[in-house]
Amino acid sequence: MVIPSTAISIRCHAVHIIQAVIDKGKSLTGLLEQHQQQLPVKQHALLNQLCFGSLRWYITLDFWLRKLLKKPLKAKDRDLHFVLILGLFQLTHMDKPAHASLNETVNLSREVNKPWAAGLINGVLRNFQRQQTHFQDALQGNEALQAALPDWLVKKLKTTYPSQYQGIIRSLNERAPMTLRINPAQYSTSDYLAQLSQQGIQARPCALAARGVTLENPCDVNQLPEFFQGACSVQDEAAQLCTHLLQPKAAARVLDACCAPGGKTAALLEAYPQQQVIAVDADEYRQQRTRSTLDRLQLTAEIITADVGNLDDWWDGQWFDHILLDAPCSATGVIRRHPDIKHLRRPQDIDQLSELQSTLLHKLWSTLKPNGTLLYATCSILAEENTDIIRQFTAIHKDAEPQPPFMAGDSKTEFGCQLLPRPNGHDGFYYCLLTKVANK
């Protein structure tokens, strides 16, 4: 993909990014990293807001746009579709004067080398303004359009969580909170909260993660006290719970499977610094982020770039005392942090991911020492990737003993815990701790 010139506006960068996600299936995270390099740091927040918001509400915005256009745009003018999507997002979800949003969107016609489209863009957006109530009413009775979620996913959530799915949907569409994990080698949680307060940053302790604090308002990491000296890391509360569940014994040999970009690797090493951690992931680019994370925190692990499922490529034959398998999954529990998932994931992906999760679990079980523990984790809220996987696995492996769920209430499942995304709280996550019972 050709990255646009630095001379173009933030909104034109956003158009390129949104189109690359929708039409080419690119990752929003990677695209933002590329385009942010072309912009001053002070402009990153607006670029993020435009891209996250447009992709979060794209399904609804696209429905409206198809009704607004008298005839479909030609293939060579596909970029105008995303110019209009951006304009509709600004009119409906940004707190700014409508005339400013209109002018900025019309001006994009020149930036995409289609000045002739200025009148079209102006006409479509003004028509929407005049009939906005009508277009809002057109969503009634269609939960998928109202939620801007794929229809297949809404049906799954409704079937799995009949009394909770509406709250889940609301949580998936909100802006995710910014949560920190405090490094116990440098600060207690209460002391770091005091440091934040001195900087005028309001925060509160997390409900579940002992070393977690959630900021009242997100901020740039440059504003966080001693961030670059390793005082804290950005990590969702649910993801931090891996240290509470695994609890490696002293000097244990621990495998962090599918580890990149290293957040849980770092959390384990901070909490249990005497462990020997082997961190394996197939993605070299993301493994570079693992190295950077550990370097900032002055932590050490053996980092291996390999497909963790191909044992011959990386395993030395020595058993592990503990394994953290952060399995590749649909990421349906973190849609609010990655709204591109709404557009990249397909129903058939769930079956393929379930097969991969099961394969990894079976293979890595053979590397676990008797009486050792394996923590299975996903950021999915779908049973096919979570409780169903564990049920099938324990039916085959009689030496696999699931430990009791660490939480009660609506998070408790047949096997392990299913955390659902919470407004201004943790993401959706699943954990199940398995003990390998000796002599079975």
Protein backbone atom coordinates (compact mmCIF):
# COMPACT_ATOMS: atom_id res chain seq x y z
CA MET A 1 0.00 0.00 0.00
CA VAL A 2 1.30 3.46 -0.87
CA ILE A 3 1.24 5.68 2.21
CA PRO A 4 -0.08 9.16 1.40
CA SER A 5 2.10 12.22 1.43
CA THR A 6 2.54 14.20 4.64
CA ALA A 7 1.00 17.16 2.79
CA ILE A 8 -2.50 15.67 2.92
CA SER A 9 -4.94 16.31 5.74
CA ILE A 10 -5.67 14.06 8.71
CA ARG A 11 -9.07 13.29 7.18
CA CYS A 12 -7.53 12.13 3.94
CA HIS A 13 -5.25 9.80 5.91
CA ALA A 14 -8.40 8.50 7.60
CA VAL A 15 -10.09 7.85 4.24
CA HIS A 16 -7.09 5.78 3.08
CA ILE A 17 -7.08 3.77 6.32
CA ILE A 18 -10.83 3.07 6.36
CA GLN A 19 -10.80 1.97 2.73
CA ALA A 20 -7.81 -0.34 3.34
CA VAL A 21 -9.65 -2.05 6.21
CA ILE A 22 -12.97 -2.48 4.38
CA ASP A 23 -11.77 -3.24 0.86
CA LYS A 24 -8.43 -4.94 1.51
CA GLY A 25 -8.94 -6.55 4.92
CA LYS A 26 -5.99 -4.74 6.48
CA SER A 27 -5.47 -4.42 10.24
CA LEU A 28 -6.41 -1.06 11.73
CA THR A 29 -3.55 -1.24 14.24
CA GLY A 30 -0.91 -1.70 11.55
CA LEU A 31 -2.39 0.98 9.31
CA LEU A 32 -2.51 3.53 12.11
CA GLU A 33 1.13 2.84 12.97
CA GLN A 34 2.11 3.49 9.35
CA HIS A 35 0.09 6.66 8.91
CA GLN A 36 0.95 8.13 12.32
CA GLN A 37 4.57 8.20 11.23
CA GLN A 38 3.50 10.78 8.64
CA LEU A 39 1.84 13.08 11.18
CA PRO A 40 2.86 15.10 14.25
CA VAL A 41 2.10 13.35 17.55
CA LYS A 42 -0.46 16.01 18.45
CA GLN A 43 -2.58 14.91 15.46
CA HIS A 44 -2.63 11.19 16.33
CA ALA A 45 -5.63 11.46 18.64
CA LEU A 46 -7.87 12.98 15.96
CA LEU A 47 -6.76 10.41 13.38
CA ASN A 48 -7.58 7.64 15.85
CA GLN A 49 -10.98 9.16 16.62
CA LEU A 50 -11.91 9.41 12.94
CA CYS A 51 -10.77 5.87 12.08
CA PHE A 52 -12.06 4.11 15.19
CA GLY A 53 -15.41 5.89 15.02
CA SER A 54 -15.99 5.41 11.30
CA LEU A 55 -15.17 1.70 11.53
CA ARG A 56 -17.14 1.25 14.74
CA TRP A 57 -20.31 2.60 13.09
CA TYR A 58 -19.49 1.67 9.49
CA ILE A 59 -22.28 -0.90 9.06
CA THR A 60 -24.92 1.69 9.99
CA LEU A 61 -23.26 4.49 8.04
CA ASP A 62 -22.95 2.28 4.96
CA PHE A 63 -26.66 1.38 5.18
CA TRP A 64 -27.57 5.06 5.22
CA LEU A 65 -25.19 5.93 2.39
CA ARG A 66 -26.63 3.30 0.09
CA LYS A 67 -30.04 4.85 0.59
CA LEU A 68 -28.72 8.37 0.04
CA LEU A 69 -26.99 7.65 -3.27
CA LYS A 70 -29.36 7.62 -6.23
CA LYS A 71 -27.04 5.23 -8.04
CA PRO A 72 -23.94 3.36 -6.95
CA LEU A 73 -20.56 5.05 -7.37
CA LYS A 74 -18.33 3.74 -10.14
CA ALA A 75 -15.51 1.44 -9.14
CA LYS A 76 -12.91 4.10 -9.99
CA ASP A 77 -14.65 6.46 -7.57
CA ARG A 78 -14.74 4.01 -4.69
CA ASP A 79 -12.69 6.39 -2.53
CA LEU A 80 -15.63 8.82 -2.56
CA HIS A 81 -17.67 6.19 -0.71
CA PHE A 82 -15.26 6.44 2.20
CA VAL A 83 -15.11 10.23 2.01
CA LEU A 84 -18.89 10.19 2.49
CA ILE A 85 -18.67 7.60 5.28
CA LEU A 86 -16.26 9.89 7.11
CA GLY A 87 -18.61 12.82 6.59
CA LEU A 88 -21.60 10.91 7.94
CA PHE A 89 -19.61 9.81 10.99
CA GLN A 90 -18.63 13.40 11.76
CA LEU A 91 -22.22 14.61 11.40
CA THR A 92 -23.65 11.91 13.68
CA HIS A 93 -20.97 11.16 16.25
CA MET A 94 -18.61 14.11 16.65
CA ASP A 95 -19.26 17.10 18.85
CA LYS A 96 -18.59 19.85 16.33
CA PRO A 97 -20.68 22.25 14.21
CA ALA A 98 -22.33 20.55 11.25
CA HIS A 99 -21.15 23.23 8.82
CA ALA A 100 -17.54 22.52 9.77
CA SER A 101 -17.98 18.80 9.13
CA LEU A 102 -19.63 19.54 5.79
CA ASN A 103 -16.88 21.91 4.66
CA GLU A 104 -14.08 19.56 5.69
CA THR A 105 -15.67 16.63 3.88
CA VAL A 106 -16.35 18.62 0.71
CA ASN A 107 -12.71 19.76 0.72
CA LEU A 108 -11.63 16.12 0.62
CA SER A 109 -12.90 15.93 -2.97
CA ARG A 110 -9.82 17.89 -4.05
CA GLU A 111 -7.46 15.79 -1.94
CA VAL A 112 -8.61 12.60 -3.64
CA ASN A 113 -8.22 14.34 -7.02
CA LYS A 114 -11.96 14.49 -7.72
CA PRO A 115 -12.90 18.18 -7.42
CA TRP A 116 -15.96 17.49 -9.58
CA ALA A 117 -17.42 15.50 -6.66
CA ALA A 118 -17.69 18.51 -4.33
CA GLY A 119 -21.32 19.08 -5.31
CA LEU A 120 -22.18 15.39 -4.91
CA ILE A 121 -20.65 15.24 -1.43
CA ASN A 122 -22.35 18.46 -0.35
CA GLY A 123 -25.72 17.30 -1.69
CA VAL A 124 -25.59 13.84 -0.08
CA LEU A 125 -24.60 15.15 3.33
CA ARG A 126 -27.14 17.99 3.32
CA ASN A 127 -29.85 15.53 2.30
CA PHE A 128 -28.90 13.39 5.27
CA GLN A 129 -29.07 16.41 7.57
CA ARG A 130 -32.60 17.22 6.40
CA GLN A 131 -33.81 13.65 6.80
CA GLN A 132 -31.73 12.45 9.73
CA THR A 133 -34.76 11.50 11.82
CA HIS A 134 -36.08 9.44 8.91
CA PHE A 135 -32.77 7.62 8.55
CA GLN A 136 -32.60 6.94 12.29
CA ASP A 137 -36.13 5.55 12.18
CA ALA A 138 -35.13 3.23 9.31
CA LEU A 139 -32.92 1.30 11.78
CA GLN A 140 -35.82 0.33 14.01
CA GLY A 141 -36.42 -3.39 14.29
CA ASN A 142 -32.97 -4.31 13.01
CA GLU A 143 -30.64 -4.93 15.96
CA ALA A 144 -27.60 -5.56 13.78
CA LEU A 145 -27.94 -2.21 12.00
CA GLN A 146 -28.65 -0.37 15.23
CA ALA A 147 -25.57 -1.91 16.82
CA ALA A 148 -23.43 -1.65 13.68
CA LEU A 149 -22.49 -5.30 14.16
CA PRO A 150 -22.54 -8.18 11.66
CA ASP A 151 -25.88 -9.96 11.73
CA TRP A 152 -24.24 -13.35 12.38
CA LEU A 153 -22.52 -12.03 15.50
CA VAL A 154 -25.67 -10.44 16.92
CA LYS A 155 -27.48 -13.76 16.47
CA LYS A 156 -24.69 -15.64 18.27
CA LEU A 157 -24.67 -13.18 21.17
CA LYS A 158 -28.46 -13.28 21.42
CA THR A 159 -28.46 -17.09 21.50
CA THR A 160 -25.57 -17.41 23.97
CA TYR A 161 -26.49 -14.53 26.28
CA PRO A 162 -30.26 -13.99 25.89
CA SER A 163 -30.57 -11.80 28.99
CA GLN A 164 -27.24 -10.01 28.62
CA TYR A 165 -26.60 -9.52 24.91
CA GLN A 166 -27.92 -5.96 24.74
CA GLY A 167 -25.53 -4.84 27.46
CA ILE A 168 -22.69 -6.69 25.73
CA ILE A 169 -23.46 -4.91 22.46
CA ARG A 170 -23.44 -1.52 24.19
CA SER A 171 -20.09 -2.32 25.76
CA LEU A 172 -18.61 -3.43 22.44
CA ASN A 173 -19.50 -0.08 20.89
CA GLU A 174 -18.21 2.21 23.61
CA ARG A 175 -14.75 3.77 23.64
CA ALA A 176 -12.49 1.48 25.64
CA PRO A 177 -11.05 2.77 28.90
CA MET A 178 -7.31 3.14 29.39
CA THR A 179 -6.06 0.77 32.07
CA LEU A 180 -2.55 0.51 33.48
CA ARG A 181 -0.64 -2.31 35.14
CA ILE A 182 1.65 -1.00 37.89
CA ASN A 183 5.15 -2.47 38.13
CA PRO A 184 5.48 -3.76 41.73
CA ALA A 185 9.28 -3.44 41.59
CA GLN A 186 8.85 0.34 41.43
CA TYR A 187 5.50 1.34 42.95
CA SER A 188 2.63 0.05 44.99
CA THR A 189 -0.74 0.64 43.36
CA SER A 190 -1.68 3.30 45.92
CA ASP A 191 1.65 5.13 45.52
CA TYR A 192 1.31 5.25 41.74
CA LEU A 193 -2.26 6.51 42.04
CA ALA A 194 -0.83 9.35 44.14
CA GLN A 195 1.76 10.05 41.43
CA LEU A 196 -0.99 10.21 38.81
CA SER A 197 -3.03 12.56 40.99
CA GLN A 198 -0.05 14.90 41.32
CA GLN A 199 0.07 15.07 37.53
CA GLY A 200 -3.63 15.92 37.41
CA ILE A 201 -4.54 12.46 36.05
CA GLN A 202 -7.60 11.01 37.75
CA ALA A 203 -7.66 7.24 38.14
CA ARG A 204 -9.15 4.49 40.29
CA PRO A 205 -8.05 0.97 41.30
CA CYS A 206 -9.40 -1.90 39.21
CA ALA A 207 -11.98 -4.19 40.78
CA LEU A 208 -10.29 -7.48 39.85
CA ALA A 209 -6.64 -6.84 39.02
CA ALA A 210 -4.64 -6.00 42.15
CA ARG A 211 -2.04 -3.98 40.22
CA GLY A 212 -4.47 -2.37 37.78
CA VAL A 213 -5.72 1.21 37.68
CA THR A 214 -8.17 2.69 35.18
CA LEU A 215 -7.83 6.30 34.06
CA GLU A 216 -10.92 8.50 34.07
CA ASN A 217 -9.79 9.83 30.69
CA PRO A 218 -7.23 8.29 28.33
CA CYS A 219 -3.97 10.16 27.87
CA ASP A 220 -0.73 9.88 25.94
CA VAL A 221 1.82 7.61 27.64
CA ASN A 222 4.24 10.55 27.63
CA GLN A 223 2.07 12.08 30.36
CA LEU A 224 2.32 9.02 32.64
CA PRO A 225 4.85 9.35 35.48
CA GLU A 226 8.03 7.38 34.72
CA PHE A 227 6.36 5.33 31.99
CA PHE A 228 9.58 5.04 29.98
CA GLN A 229 11.43 4.01 33.13
CA GLY A 230 9.07 1.03 33.47
CA ALA A 231 6.75 2.24 36.23
CA CYS A 232 3.64 1.01 34.45
CA SER A 233 2.30 -0.55 31.26
CA VAL A 234 -0.95 -0.15 29.34
CA GLN A 235 -2.94 -3.39 29.69
CA ASP A 236 -6.62 -4.17 30.08
CA GLU A 237 -7.75 -5.39 33.48
CA ALA A 238 -8.95 -8.77 32.19
CA ALA A 239 -5.60 -9.47 30.51
CA GLN A 240 -3.79 -8.72 33.77
CA LEU A 241 -5.54 -11.60 35.53
CA CYS A 242 -3.18 -14.15 33.98
CA THR A 243 -0.74 -13.56 36.87
CA HIS A 244 -3.46 -14.14 39.48
CA LEU A 245 -4.45 -17.43 37.86
CA LEU A 246 -1.15 -18.99 36.83
CA GLN A 247 0.96 -18.19 39.93
CA PRO A 248 4.19 -19.95 38.91
CA LYS A 249 6.31 -21.43 41.66
CA ALA A 250 9.78 -20.00 42.26
CA ALA A 251 12.33 -20.64 39.50
CA ALA A 252 9.68 -22.32 37.38
CA ARG A 253 10.12 -22.96 33.68
CA VAL A 254 7.19 -21.19 32.00
CA LEU A 255 6.03 -21.19 28.37
CA ASP A 256 4.19 -18.13 27.12
CA ALA A 257 2.66 -19.45 23.89
CA CYS A 258 1.45 -16.98 21.25
CA CYS A 259 3.03 -14.30 23.41
CA ALA A 260 3.34 -11.23 21.16
CA PRO A 261 3.25 -8.30 21.73
CA GLY A 262 4.43 -9.33 25.20
CA GLY A 263 1.99 -7.76 27.63
CA LYS A 264 1.29 -10.97 29.53
CA THR A 265 4.96 -12.01 29.31
CA ALA A 266 5.88 -8.80 31.10
CA ALA A 267 3.06 -9.15 33.64
CA LEU A 268 4.26 -12.65 34.59
CA LEU A 269 7.88 -11.54 34.93
CA GLU A 270 6.95 -8.52 37.03
CA ALA A 271 4.85 -10.63 39.40
CA TYR A 272 7.21 -13.62 39.53
CA PRO A 273 10.72 -12.38 38.65
CA GLN A 274 12.49 -15.69 39.44
CA GLN A 275 10.85 -17.60 36.58
CA GLN A 276 12.51 -18.77 33.40
CA VAL A 277 10.10 -17.62 30.67
CA ILE A 278 10.23 -18.88 27.10
CA ALA A 279 8.08 -16.59 24.94
CA VAL A 280 7.12 -18.01 21.54
CA ASP A 281 5.22 -16.38 18.68
CA ALA A 282 5.25 -16.81 14.90
CA ASP A 283 5.06 -13.09 14.04
CA GLU A 284 8.54 -11.54 13.94
CA TYR A 285 7.22 -7.98 13.74
CA ARG A 286 5.10 -8.48 16.86
CA GLN A 287 8.02 -10.22 18.57
CA GLN A 288 10.01 -7.03 18.09
CA ARG A 289 7.35 -5.35 20.19
CA THR A 290 7.78 -8.09 22.81
CA ARG A 291 11.50 -7.29 22.95
CA SER A 292 10.81 -3.55 23.19
CA THR A 293 8.30 -4.10 26.00
CA LEU A 294 10.71 -6.21 28.03
CA ASP A 295 13.60 -3.81 27.40
CA ARG A 296 11.58 -0.84 28.70
CA LEU A 297 10.69 -2.79 31.84
CA GLN A 298 14.21 -4.22 32.22
CA LEU A 299 12.90 -7.78 32.14
CA THR A 300 14.44 -10.86 30.52
CA ALA A 301 12.88 -13.80 28.69
CA GLU A 302 13.98 -16.21 26.00
CA ILE A 303 12.15 -14.88 22.94
CA ILE A 304 11.65 -17.32 20.07
CA THR A 305 10.04 -16.60 16.71
CA ALA A 306 8.39 -19.83 15.60
CA ASP A 307 5.02 -21.48 15.08
CA VAL A 308 4.37 -22.75 18.60
CA GLY A 309 2.35 -25.63 17.15
CA ASN A 310 5.43 -27.03 15.36
CA LEU A 311 7.25 -28.39 18.40
CA ASP A 312 10.25 -29.59 16.39
CA ASP A 313 11.01 -26.01 15.37
CA TRP A 314 11.58 -24.64 18.87
CA TRP A 315 11.03 -27.07 21.79
CA ASP A 316 14.18 -28.52 23.41
CA GLY A 317 12.33 -31.46 24.97
CA GLN A 318 12.40 -30.11 28.54
CA TRP A 319 9.04 -30.10 30.26
CA PHE A 320 7.41 -26.86 31.37
CA ASP A 321 6.13 -26.33 34.91
CA HIS A 322 3.50 -23.91 33.64
CA ILE A 323 2.10 -22.87 30.27
CA LEU A 324 0.13 -19.79 29.30
CA LEU A 325 -1.66 -20.42 26.00
CA ASP A 326 -3.09 -17.11 24.84
CA ALA A 327 -4.76 -18.77 21.89
CA PRO A 328 -5.44 -17.07 18.55
CA CYS A 329 -9.15 -16.26 18.53
CA SER A 330 -11.94 -14.18 17.02
CA ALA A 331 -11.16 -11.30 19.42
CA THR A 332 -14.89 -10.68 19.80
CA GLY A 333 -14.32 -9.61 23.41
CA VAL A 334 -12.13 -6.66 22.39
CA ILE A 335 -14.12 -5.21 19.47
CA ARG A 336 -14.28 -1.82 21.18
CA ARG A 337 -10.46 -1.68 21.02
CA HIS A 338 -10.33 -3.13 17.50
CA PRO A 339 -13.47 -2.13 15.58
CA ASP A 340 -11.95 -3.52 12.39
CA ILE A 341 -12.83 -6.97 13.78
CA LYS A 342 -16.44 -6.22 12.83
CA HIS A 343 -15.36 -6.22 9.19
CA LEU A 344 -12.47 -8.69 9.13
CA ARG A 345 -14.11 -11.60 10.93
CA ARG A 346 -16.45 -14.01 9.12
CA PRO A 347 -18.72 -16.77 10.53
CA GLN A 348 -16.53 -19.50 9.00
CA ASP A 349 -13.52 -18.09 10.84
CA ILE A 350 -14.91 -19.35 14.14
CA ASP A 351 -14.76 -23.00 13.08
CA GLN A 352 -11.24 -22.55 11.71
CA LEU A 353 -10.07 -20.80 14.87
CA SER A 354 -11.66 -23.46 17.07
CA GLU A 355 -9.75 -26.14 15.20
CA LEU A 356 -6.50 -24.22 15.64
CA GLN A 357 -7.14 -23.63 19.34
CA SER A 358 -7.83 -27.32 19.89
CA THR A 359 -4.71 -28.34 17.95
CA LEU A 360 -2.45 -26.01 19.97
CA LEU A 361 -3.94 -27.18 23.25
CA HIS A 362 -3.37 -30.85 22.40
CA LYS A 363 0.21 -30.28 21.24
CA LEU A 364 1.32 -28.08 24.12
CA TRP A 365 -0.20 -30.43 26.69
CA SER A 366 2.52 -32.90 25.75
CA THR A 367 5.19 -30.39 26.83
CA LEU A 368 3.71 -29.89 30.30
CA LYS A 369 5.22 -31.59 33.34
CA PRO A 370 2.99 -33.89 35.44
CA ASN A 371 1.34 -31.80 38.18
CA GLY A 372 2.02 -28.71 36.07
CA THR A 373 -0.65 -26.20 35.08
CA LEU A 374 -1.78 -24.78 31.75
CA LEU A 375 -3.79 -21.57 31.57
CA TYR A 376 -5.96 -21.42 28.45
CA ALA A 377 -6.94 -17.86 27.56
CA THR A 378 -8.74 -16.06 24.73
CA CYS A 379 -10.17 -12.57 24.23
CA SER A 380 -13.31 -14.16 22.77
CA ILE A 381 -16.82 -14.23 24.19
CA LEU A 382 -17.97 -17.14 22.00
CA ALA A 383 -18.48 -20.55 23.59
CA GLU A 384 -17.12 -22.36 20.50
CA GLU A 385 -13.67 -20.98 21.30
CA ASN A 386 -13.85 -21.33 25.06
CA THR A 387 -15.96 -23.77 27.09
CA ASP A 388 -16.56 -26.02 24.08
CA ILE A 389 -12.81 -26.34 23.51
CA ILE A 390 -12.17 -27.29 27.14
CA ARG A 391 -15.09 -29.75 27.22
CA GLN A 392 -13.76 -31.57 24.15
CA PHE A 393 -10.19 -31.50 25.43
CA THR A 394 -10.95 -32.92 28.88
CA ALA A 395 -13.09 -35.67 27.32
CA ILE A 396 -9.95 -36.89 25.51
CA HIS A 397 -7.25 -36.07 28.07
CA LYS A 398 -8.29 -37.74 31.30
CA ASP A 399 -5.23 -36.26 33.05
CA ALA A 400 -6.54 -32.71 32.46
CA GLU A 401 -8.35 -31.43 35.54
CA PRO A 402 -10.05 -28.02 35.26
CA GLN A 403 -9.64 -25.90 38.37
CA PRO A 404 -12.68 -24.17 39.91
CA PRO A 405 -13.52 -20.78 38.39
CA PHE A 406 -11.86 -17.90 40.23
CA MET A 407 -14.99 -15.75 40.04
CA ALA A 408 -18.66 -16.33 40.69
CA GLY A 409 -21.73 -14.73 39.18
CA ASP A 410 -22.30 -14.36 35.48
CA SER A 411 -18.64 -15.02 34.68
CA LYS A 412 -18.80 -18.62 35.90
CA THR A 413 -19.14 -21.25 33.20
CA GLU A 414 -19.04 -25.05 33.02
CA PHE A 415 -15.26 -24.77 32.67
CA GLY A 416 -13.36 -21.67 33.72
CA CYS A 417 -14.56 -18.07 33.66
CA GLN A 418 -16.09 -16.03 30.86
CA LEU A 419 -15.58 -12.34 31.53
CA LEU A 420 -17.94 -10.17 29.52
CA PRO A 421 -16.99 -6.64 28.46
CA ARG A 422 -18.03 -4.05 31.03
CA PRO A 423 -18.83 -0.36 30.45
CA ASN A 424 -15.73 1.58 31.50
CA GLY A 425 -14.35 -1.70 32.81
CA HIS A 426 -12.57 -4.80 31.58
CA ASP A 427 -12.72 -6.35 28.11
CA GLY A 428 -14.32 -9.68 27.24
CA PHE A 429 -11.97 -12.53 28.15
CA TYR A 430 -11.98 -16.26 28.89
CA TYR A 431 -9.71 -18.22 31.24
CA CYS A 432 -9.52 -21.87 32.22
CA LEU A 433 -6.75 -23.28 34.40
CA LEU A 434 -5.97 -26.98 33.82
CA THR A 435 -3.81 -29.16 36.07
CA LYS A 436 -2.03 -32.15 34.56
CA VAL A 437 -2.79 -34.86 37.07
CA ALA A 438 0.05 -37.36 37.48
CA ASN A 439 -0.53 -41.12 37.04
CA LYS A 440 -3.72 -40.80 35.04
